[in-house]
N, C-alpha and C. Protein backbone atom coordinates (compact mmCIF):
# COMPACT_ATOMS: atom_id res chain seq x y z
N MET A 1 0.85 -1.17 0.00
CA MET A 1 0.00 0.00 0.00
C MET A 1 0.90 1.24 0.00
N ARG A 2 0.50 2.23 -0.77
CA ARG A 2 1.19 3.52 -0.81
C ARG A 2 0.19 4.63 -0.59
N VAL A 3 0.67 5.73 -0.06
CA VAL A 3 -0.15 6.92 0.15
C VAL A 3 0.51 8.08 -0.56
N GLY A 4 -0.26 8.86 -1.30
CA GLY A 4 0.26 10.03 -1.99
C GLY A 4 -0.30 11.30 -1.39
N PHE A 5 0.37 12.39 -1.65
CA PHE A 5 -0.06 13.70 -1.16
C PHE A 5 -0.06 14.67 -2.33
N GLY A 6 -1.15 15.40 -2.48
CA GLY A 6 -1.24 16.38 -3.56
C GLY A 6 -1.71 17.72 -3.06
N PHE A 7 -1.29 18.76 -3.73
CA PHE A 7 -1.70 20.13 -3.40
C PHE A 7 -1.85 20.92 -4.69
N ASP A 8 -2.84 21.80 -4.72
CA ASP A 8 -2.99 22.72 -5.84
C ASP A 8 -3.62 24.01 -5.34
N VAL A 9 -3.30 25.09 -6.02
CA VAL A 9 -3.87 26.40 -5.70
C VAL A 9 -3.99 27.20 -6.99
N HIS A 10 -5.06 27.93 -7.13
CA HIS A 10 -5.27 28.79 -8.29
C HIS A 10 -5.88 30.11 -7.82
N PRO A 11 -5.47 31.22 -8.44
CA PRO A 11 -6.11 32.50 -8.14
C PRO A 11 -7.41 32.66 -8.94
N PHE A 12 -8.27 33.53 -8.45
CA PHE A 12 -9.48 33.86 -9.21
C PHE A 12 -9.11 34.74 -10.40
N THR A 13 -9.97 34.72 -11.43
CA THR A 13 -9.81 35.57 -12.60
C THR A 13 -11.17 36.14 -12.96
N ASP A 14 -11.16 37.18 -13.75
CA ASP A 14 -12.43 37.73 -14.24
C ASP A 14 -12.66 37.34 -15.70
N ASP A 15 -11.97 36.33 -16.18
CA ASP A 15 -12.08 35.85 -17.56
C ASP A 15 -13.51 35.37 -17.82
N PRO A 16 -14.26 36.06 -18.69
CA PRO A 16 -15.65 35.68 -18.94
C PRO A 16 -15.79 34.36 -19.72
N ALA A 17 -14.71 33.87 -20.28
CA ALA A 17 -14.75 32.62 -21.04
C ALA A 17 -14.65 31.39 -20.14
N LYS A 18 -14.33 31.59 -18.87
CA LYS A 18 -14.15 30.46 -17.96
C LYS A 18 -15.31 30.35 -16.98
N LYS A 19 -15.46 29.14 -16.41
CA LYS A 19 -16.44 28.87 -15.35
C LYS A 19 -15.68 28.33 -14.15
N LEU A 20 -16.24 28.52 -12.97
CA LEU A 20 -15.64 27.94 -11.79
C LEU A 20 -16.03 26.47 -11.71
N ILE A 21 -15.02 25.61 -11.77
CA ILE A 21 -15.22 24.17 -11.68
C ILE A 21 -14.38 23.66 -10.52
N ILE A 22 -15.04 23.01 -9.58
CA ILE A 22 -14.35 22.44 -8.42
C ILE A 22 -14.86 21.01 -8.26
N GLY A 23 -13.94 20.06 -8.25
CA GLY A 23 -14.32 18.66 -8.10
C GLY A 23 -15.22 18.18 -9.23
N GLY A 24 -15.03 18.75 -10.41
CA GLY A 24 -15.80 18.35 -11.57
C GLY A 24 -17.19 18.95 -11.65
N VAL A 25 -17.52 19.86 -10.74
CA VAL A 25 -18.84 20.47 -10.67
C VAL A 25 -18.74 21.96 -10.97
N VAL A 26 -19.62 22.46 -11.82
CA VAL A 26 -19.66 23.89 -12.15
C VAL A 26 -20.40 24.64 -11.05
N PHE A 27 -19.79 25.68 -10.55
CA PHE A 27 -20.40 26.57 -9.56
C PHE A 27 -20.88 27.81 -10.31
N GLU A 28 -22.14 27.79 -10.70
CA GLU A 28 -22.72 28.89 -11.49
C GLU A 28 -22.68 30.21 -10.72
N GLY A 29 -22.38 31.28 -11.44
CA GLY A 29 -22.42 32.61 -10.85
C GLY A 29 -21.23 32.97 -9.98
N GLU A 30 -20.24 32.11 -9.92
CA GLU A 30 -19.04 32.36 -9.11
C GLU A 30 -17.87 32.70 -10.01
N ALA A 31 -16.94 33.49 -9.49
CA ALA A 31 -15.73 33.85 -10.23
C ALA A 31 -14.92 32.59 -10.53
N PRO A 32 -14.43 32.45 -11.76
CA PRO A 32 -13.64 31.28 -12.12
C PRO A 32 -12.20 31.39 -11.63
N LEU A 33 -11.49 30.28 -11.75
CA LEU A 33 -10.08 30.24 -11.38
C LEU A 33 -9.21 30.36 -12.62
N LYS A 34 -8.10 31.02 -12.45
CA LYS A 34 -7.14 31.22 -13.54
C LYS A 34 -6.24 30.01 -13.66
N GLY A 35 -5.98 29.60 -14.89
CA GLY A 35 -5.09 28.47 -15.12
C GLY A 35 -5.14 28.04 -16.56
N HIS A 36 -4.21 27.18 -16.94
CA HIS A 36 -4.09 26.71 -18.32
C HIS A 36 -5.26 25.78 -18.70
N SER A 37 -5.63 24.90 -17.78
CA SER A 37 -6.74 23.97 -18.02
C SER A 37 -8.02 24.63 -17.50
N ASP A 38 -8.98 23.81 -17.06
CA ASP A 38 -10.19 24.38 -16.44
C ASP A 38 -9.94 24.80 -14.99
N SER A 39 -8.73 24.55 -14.49
CA SER A 39 -8.27 25.01 -13.17
C SER A 39 -9.00 24.37 -11.99
N ASP A 40 -9.41 23.13 -12.13
CA ASP A 40 -10.11 22.43 -11.06
C ASP A 40 -9.09 22.01 -10.00
N VAL A 41 -9.02 22.79 -8.92
CA VAL A 41 -8.00 22.55 -7.89
C VAL A 41 -8.15 21.19 -7.22
N VAL A 42 -9.36 20.70 -7.09
CA VAL A 42 -9.57 19.41 -6.43
C VAL A 42 -9.08 18.27 -7.33
N ALA A 43 -9.48 18.28 -8.59
CA ALA A 43 -9.01 17.25 -9.52
C ALA A 43 -7.50 17.27 -9.64
N HIS A 44 -6.91 18.46 -9.65
CA HIS A 44 -5.45 18.58 -9.77
C HIS A 44 -4.75 18.02 -8.53
N ALA A 45 -5.24 18.35 -7.34
CA ALA A 45 -4.62 17.84 -6.12
C ALA A 45 -4.72 16.32 -6.04
N ILE A 46 -5.88 15.78 -6.43
CA ILE A 46 -6.05 14.33 -6.43
C ILE A 46 -5.09 13.68 -7.43
N ALA A 47 -5.00 14.25 -8.61
CA ALA A 47 -4.09 13.69 -9.62
C ALA A 47 -2.66 13.67 -9.12
N ASP A 48 -2.21 14.75 -8.50
CA ASP A 48 -0.85 14.79 -7.96
C ASP A 48 -0.66 13.76 -6.85
N ALA A 49 -1.67 13.58 -6.00
CA ALA A 49 -1.56 12.58 -4.94
C ALA A 49 -1.42 11.17 -5.52
N LEU A 50 -2.22 10.87 -6.54
CA LEU A 50 -2.15 9.55 -7.16
C LEU A 50 -0.82 9.33 -7.87
N LEU A 51 -0.37 10.34 -8.61
CA LEU A 51 0.93 10.22 -9.29
C LEU A 51 2.05 10.04 -8.28
N GLY A 52 1.99 10.78 -7.19
CA GLY A 52 3.01 10.65 -6.16
C GLY A 52 3.03 9.28 -5.52
N ALA A 53 1.85 8.74 -5.22
CA ALA A 53 1.77 7.42 -4.60
C ALA A 53 2.37 6.35 -5.51
N ALA A 54 2.20 6.51 -6.81
CA ALA A 54 2.72 5.53 -7.77
C ALA A 54 4.13 5.86 -8.26
N CYS A 55 4.73 6.91 -7.69
CA CYS A 55 6.07 7.36 -8.10
C CYS A 55 6.13 7.67 -9.60
N LEU A 56 5.11 8.38 -10.08
CA LEU A 56 5.02 8.70 -11.51
C LEU A 56 5.19 10.20 -11.78
N GLY A 57 5.83 10.92 -10.90
CA GLY A 57 6.05 12.35 -11.13
C GLY A 57 4.89 13.19 -10.66
N ASP A 58 4.69 14.31 -11.36
CA ASP A 58 3.62 15.22 -10.97
C ASP A 58 2.76 15.58 -12.17
N LEU A 59 1.68 16.28 -11.91
CA LEU A 59 0.72 16.64 -12.96
C LEU A 59 1.37 17.43 -14.08
N GLY A 60 2.23 18.39 -13.73
CA GLY A 60 2.89 19.21 -14.74
C GLY A 60 3.82 18.44 -15.66
N SER A 61 4.38 17.35 -15.19
CA SER A 61 5.27 16.57 -16.05
C SER A 61 4.47 15.76 -17.08
N HIS A 62 3.23 15.44 -16.76
CA HIS A 62 2.39 14.68 -17.69
C HIS A 62 1.54 15.59 -18.58
N PHE A 63 1.14 16.74 -18.04
CA PHE A 63 0.25 17.66 -18.77
C PHE A 63 0.79 19.08 -18.62
N PRO A 64 1.91 19.40 -19.26
CA PRO A 64 2.56 20.71 -19.05
C PRO A 64 1.69 21.89 -19.53
N ASP A 65 1.75 22.97 -18.75
CA ASP A 65 0.98 24.16 -19.13
C ASP A 65 1.62 24.91 -20.30
N THR A 66 2.72 24.39 -20.80
CA THR A 66 3.35 24.95 -22.00
C THR A 66 2.85 24.26 -23.27
N ASP A 67 2.05 23.23 -23.11
CA ASP A 67 1.52 22.48 -24.25
C ASP A 67 0.11 22.97 -24.56
N SER A 68 -0.09 23.52 -25.74
CA SER A 68 -1.38 24.11 -26.11
C SER A 68 -2.52 23.08 -26.15
N LYS A 69 -2.20 21.80 -26.29
CA LYS A 69 -3.29 20.82 -26.35
C LYS A 69 -4.00 20.67 -25.00
N PHE A 70 -3.39 21.17 -23.93
CA PHE A 70 -4.04 21.10 -22.62
C PHE A 70 -4.72 22.42 -22.24
N LYS A 71 -4.71 23.39 -23.13
CA LYS A 71 -5.37 24.68 -22.87
C LYS A 71 -6.86 24.44 -22.72
N GLY A 72 -7.41 24.81 -21.57
CA GLY A 72 -8.83 24.64 -21.31
C GLY A 72 -9.25 23.21 -21.06
N ALA A 73 -8.29 22.31 -20.86
CA ALA A 73 -8.58 20.88 -20.69
C ALA A 73 -9.53 20.63 -19.52
N ASN A 74 -10.37 19.62 -19.69
CA ASN A 74 -11.27 19.16 -18.64
C ASN A 74 -10.42 18.37 -17.64
N SER A 75 -10.34 18.85 -16.42
CA SER A 75 -9.48 18.22 -15.42
C SER A 75 -9.95 16.83 -15.02
N LEU A 76 -11.24 16.55 -15.13
CA LEU A 76 -11.68 15.18 -14.85
C LEU A 76 -11.15 14.22 -15.90
N GLU A 77 -11.03 14.68 -17.15
CA GLU A 77 -10.44 13.84 -18.19
C GLU A 77 -8.95 13.62 -17.92
N LEU A 78 -8.27 14.66 -17.45
CA LEU A 78 -6.85 14.49 -17.09
C LEU A 78 -6.72 13.53 -15.92
N LEU A 79 -7.62 13.66 -14.93
CA LEU A 79 -7.61 12.76 -13.78
C LEU A 79 -7.85 11.32 -14.23
N ALA A 80 -8.74 11.11 -15.16
CA ALA A 80 -8.99 9.76 -15.68
C ALA A 80 -7.73 9.19 -16.32
N GLN A 81 -6.99 10.01 -17.03
CA GLN A 81 -5.72 9.54 -17.62
C GLN A 81 -4.72 9.18 -16.53
N VAL A 82 -4.69 9.97 -15.45
CA VAL A 82 -3.80 9.68 -14.32
C VAL A 82 -4.18 8.34 -13.70
N VAL A 83 -5.47 8.12 -13.47
CA VAL A 83 -5.93 6.85 -12.89
C VAL A 83 -5.50 5.69 -13.79
N SER A 84 -5.61 5.86 -15.09
CA SER A 84 -5.17 4.83 -16.04
C SER A 84 -3.68 4.56 -15.91
N LYS A 85 -2.88 5.62 -15.78
CA LYS A 85 -1.42 5.46 -15.61
C LYS A 85 -1.11 4.71 -14.32
N VAL A 86 -1.81 5.05 -13.25
CA VAL A 86 -1.60 4.40 -11.96
C VAL A 86 -1.96 2.91 -12.06
N ARG A 87 -3.08 2.62 -12.70
CA ARG A 87 -3.49 1.21 -12.87
C ARG A 87 -2.53 0.44 -13.76
N SER A 88 -1.94 1.12 -14.75
CA SER A 88 -0.98 0.44 -15.62
C SER A 88 0.27 0.03 -14.86
N GLU A 89 0.50 0.65 -13.72
CA GLU A 89 1.62 0.27 -12.84
C GLU A 89 1.18 -0.76 -11.80
N ARG A 90 -0.04 -1.28 -11.98
CA ARG A 90 -0.61 -2.33 -11.13
C ARG A 90 -1.00 -1.86 -9.75
N TRP A 91 -1.38 -0.59 -9.64
CA TRP A 91 -1.90 -0.04 -8.39
C TRP A 91 -3.39 0.22 -8.54
N GLU A 92 -4.11 0.16 -7.46
CA GLU A 92 -5.54 0.48 -7.43
C GLU A 92 -5.77 1.57 -6.40
N VAL A 93 -6.72 2.43 -6.67
CA VAL A 93 -7.07 3.50 -5.74
C VAL A 93 -8.04 2.93 -4.71
N ALA A 94 -7.70 3.09 -3.43
CA ALA A 94 -8.57 2.59 -2.35
C ALA A 94 -9.55 3.66 -1.90
N ASN A 95 -9.07 4.88 -1.74
CA ASN A 95 -9.92 6.00 -1.36
C ASN A 95 -9.15 7.29 -1.55
N ILE A 96 -9.88 8.39 -1.60
CA ILE A 96 -9.29 9.73 -1.72
C ILE A 96 -9.88 10.60 -0.63
N ASP A 97 -9.04 11.39 0.00
CA ASP A 97 -9.49 12.36 1.01
C ASP A 97 -8.98 13.73 0.59
N THR A 98 -9.86 14.71 0.54
CA THR A 98 -9.45 16.06 0.15
C THR A 98 -9.93 17.09 1.16
N THR A 99 -9.22 18.21 1.21
CA THR A 99 -9.65 19.38 1.97
C THR A 99 -9.50 20.60 1.07
N VAL A 100 -10.61 21.29 0.85
CA VAL A 100 -10.63 22.50 0.05
C VAL A 100 -10.57 23.69 1.00
N LEU A 101 -9.67 24.63 0.70
CA LEU A 101 -9.54 25.85 1.50
C LEU A 101 -10.06 27.00 0.66
N ALA A 102 -11.20 27.57 1.08
CA ALA A 102 -11.83 28.64 0.31
C ALA A 102 -12.75 29.46 1.20
N GLU A 103 -12.75 30.75 0.98
CA GLU A 103 -13.72 31.61 1.63
C GLU A 103 -15.05 31.55 0.87
N ARG A 104 -14.92 31.45 -0.44
CA ARG A 104 -16.10 31.28 -1.29
C ARG A 104 -15.66 30.53 -2.53
N PRO A 105 -16.55 29.80 -3.13
CA PRO A 105 -17.95 29.61 -2.77
C PRO A 105 -18.07 28.62 -1.61
N LYS A 106 -19.25 28.51 -1.09
CA LYS A 106 -19.53 27.48 -0.08
C LYS A 106 -19.50 26.13 -0.77
N ILE A 107 -18.74 25.21 -0.22
CA ILE A 107 -18.57 23.88 -0.81
C ILE A 107 -19.70 22.93 -0.41
N ALA A 108 -20.20 23.05 0.81
CA ALA A 108 -21.17 22.10 1.35
C ALA A 108 -22.37 21.83 0.43
N PRO A 109 -22.98 22.85 -0.19
CA PRO A 109 -24.14 22.56 -1.03
C PRO A 109 -23.82 21.68 -2.25
N MET A 110 -22.57 21.64 -2.67
CA MET A 110 -22.17 20.87 -3.86
C MET A 110 -21.33 19.64 -3.52
N ARG A 111 -21.10 19.41 -2.23
CA ARG A 111 -20.21 18.33 -1.79
C ARG A 111 -20.60 16.97 -2.36
N SER A 112 -21.85 16.59 -2.26
CA SER A 112 -22.29 15.27 -2.74
C SER A 112 -22.07 15.12 -4.24
N ALA A 113 -22.38 16.17 -4.99
CA ALA A 113 -22.18 16.13 -6.45
C ALA A 113 -20.70 16.01 -6.78
N MET A 114 -19.84 16.72 -6.03
CA MET A 114 -18.40 16.64 -6.25
C MET A 114 -17.90 15.24 -5.95
N GLU A 115 -18.29 14.69 -4.81
CA GLU A 115 -17.85 13.35 -4.44
C GLU A 115 -18.29 12.31 -5.47
N ALA A 116 -19.51 12.44 -5.97
CA ALA A 116 -20.01 11.49 -6.97
C ALA A 116 -19.24 11.62 -8.28
N ALA A 117 -19.00 12.84 -8.73
CA ALA A 117 -18.27 13.06 -9.98
C ALA A 117 -16.85 12.50 -9.88
N LEU A 118 -16.19 12.76 -8.77
CA LEU A 118 -14.82 12.30 -8.58
C LEU A 118 -14.76 10.78 -8.42
N LYS A 119 -15.70 10.21 -7.67
CA LYS A 119 -15.75 8.75 -7.49
C LYS A 119 -15.93 8.05 -8.82
N SER A 120 -16.74 8.63 -9.70
CA SER A 120 -16.98 7.99 -11.00
C SER A 120 -15.71 7.95 -11.85
N VAL A 121 -14.79 8.86 -11.59
CA VAL A 121 -13.53 8.88 -12.35
C VAL A 121 -12.48 8.00 -11.71
N VAL A 122 -12.32 8.07 -10.39
CA VAL A 122 -11.25 7.31 -9.74
C VAL A 122 -11.65 5.88 -9.37
N GLY A 123 -12.96 5.61 -9.35
CA GLY A 123 -13.41 4.26 -9.04
C GLY A 123 -13.25 3.87 -7.59
N ALA A 124 -13.27 4.86 -6.70
CA ALA A 124 -13.12 4.61 -5.28
C ALA A 124 -13.81 5.74 -4.51
N PRO A 125 -14.12 5.52 -3.23
CA PRO A 125 -14.75 6.58 -2.45
C PRO A 125 -13.88 7.84 -2.38
N VAL A 126 -14.54 8.99 -2.47
CA VAL A 126 -13.85 10.29 -2.38
C VAL A 126 -14.54 11.12 -1.31
N SER A 127 -13.75 11.64 -0.39
CA SER A 127 -14.25 12.54 0.65
C SER A 127 -13.82 13.96 0.30
N VAL A 128 -14.77 14.87 0.27
CA VAL A 128 -14.47 16.29 0.05
C VAL A 128 -14.86 17.05 1.31
N LYS A 129 -13.86 17.62 1.95
CA LYS A 129 -14.10 18.45 3.13
C LYS A 129 -13.73 19.88 2.76
N ALA A 130 -14.23 20.83 3.51
CA ALA A 130 -13.91 22.23 3.23
C ALA A 130 -13.67 22.98 4.52
N THR A 131 -12.83 23.99 4.42
CA THR A 131 -12.57 24.86 5.55
C THR A 131 -12.28 26.26 5.02
N ARG A 132 -12.27 27.22 5.91
CA ARG A 132 -12.00 28.62 5.54
C ARG A 132 -10.65 29.04 6.12
N ALA A 133 -10.09 30.08 5.54
CA ALA A 133 -8.83 30.64 6.05
C ALA A 133 -9.10 31.72 7.09
N GLU A 134 -10.37 31.97 7.39
CA GLU A 134 -10.75 32.93 8.42
C GLU A 134 -10.13 34.31 8.19
N GLY A 135 -10.05 34.69 6.93
CA GLY A 135 -9.55 36.03 6.58
C GLY A 135 -8.04 36.15 6.52
N LEU A 136 -7.32 35.06 6.76
CA LEU A 136 -5.86 35.11 6.77
C LEU A 136 -5.28 34.80 5.40
N GLY A 137 -4.27 35.53 4.97
CA GLY A 137 -3.54 35.25 3.74
C GLY A 137 -4.35 35.46 2.48
N ALA A 138 -3.75 35.02 1.35
CA ALA A 138 -4.38 35.21 0.04
C ALA A 138 -5.74 34.52 -0.06
N ILE A 139 -5.86 33.31 0.48
CA ILE A 139 -7.13 32.61 0.42
C ILE A 139 -8.15 33.35 1.29
N GLY A 140 -7.73 33.80 2.44
CA GLY A 140 -8.62 34.54 3.33
C GLY A 140 -9.08 35.87 2.74
N ARG A 141 -8.26 36.43 1.86
CA ARG A 141 -8.65 37.68 1.17
C ARG A 141 -9.45 37.39 -0.10
N VAL A 142 -9.84 36.15 -0.29
CA VAL A 142 -10.65 35.68 -1.42
C VAL A 142 -9.91 35.95 -2.75
N GLU A 143 -8.63 35.61 -2.78
CA GLU A 143 -7.83 35.75 -3.99
C GLU A 143 -7.75 34.44 -4.77
N GLY A 144 -8.19 33.33 -4.16
CA GLY A 144 -8.13 32.06 -4.84
C GLY A 144 -8.63 30.94 -3.97
N ILE A 145 -8.37 29.71 -4.43
CA ILE A 145 -8.81 28.49 -3.75
C ILE A 145 -7.62 27.51 -3.75
N ALA A 146 -7.49 26.75 -2.66
CA ALA A 146 -6.44 25.73 -2.56
C ALA A 146 -7.09 24.41 -2.19
N CYS A 147 -6.38 23.32 -2.47
CA CYS A 147 -6.85 21.98 -2.09
C CYS A 147 -5.68 21.07 -1.79
N TRP A 148 -5.87 20.24 -0.77
CA TRP A 148 -4.94 19.17 -0.42
C TRP A 148 -5.65 17.85 -0.64
N ALA A 149 -4.91 16.85 -1.08
CA ALA A 149 -5.49 15.50 -1.24
C ALA A 149 -4.46 14.47 -0.79
């Protein structure tokens, strides 16, 4: 058995072409996150945790932000590719645990949908927890969202 650890953080943007996607779920009416792909911090943190557990590098080494084919990429599709890579090394995902750090949006109303979307991709139970920075630092000033997995 191996355990991996993943982290991701993205700042908010006012780009009208993007939507806020967290854990594979669109949060309508919320400011989106800036990034090369769809900027799903939860999917990215999970992918890094899985890659780390399997000793397969990190998300950026597999899907570099310098490659235009990943521009606007659906992070759940990238996560599915990561799960495939992990399985090709003869590992299986037992469970995923995440913590989202955000002042907004509120995660609780979408938690079940996020867990279901992520479980359907990784094929194992996914726990999504959320907490606030209580006004401290960049996250507390509502400059972005972070996630650990």
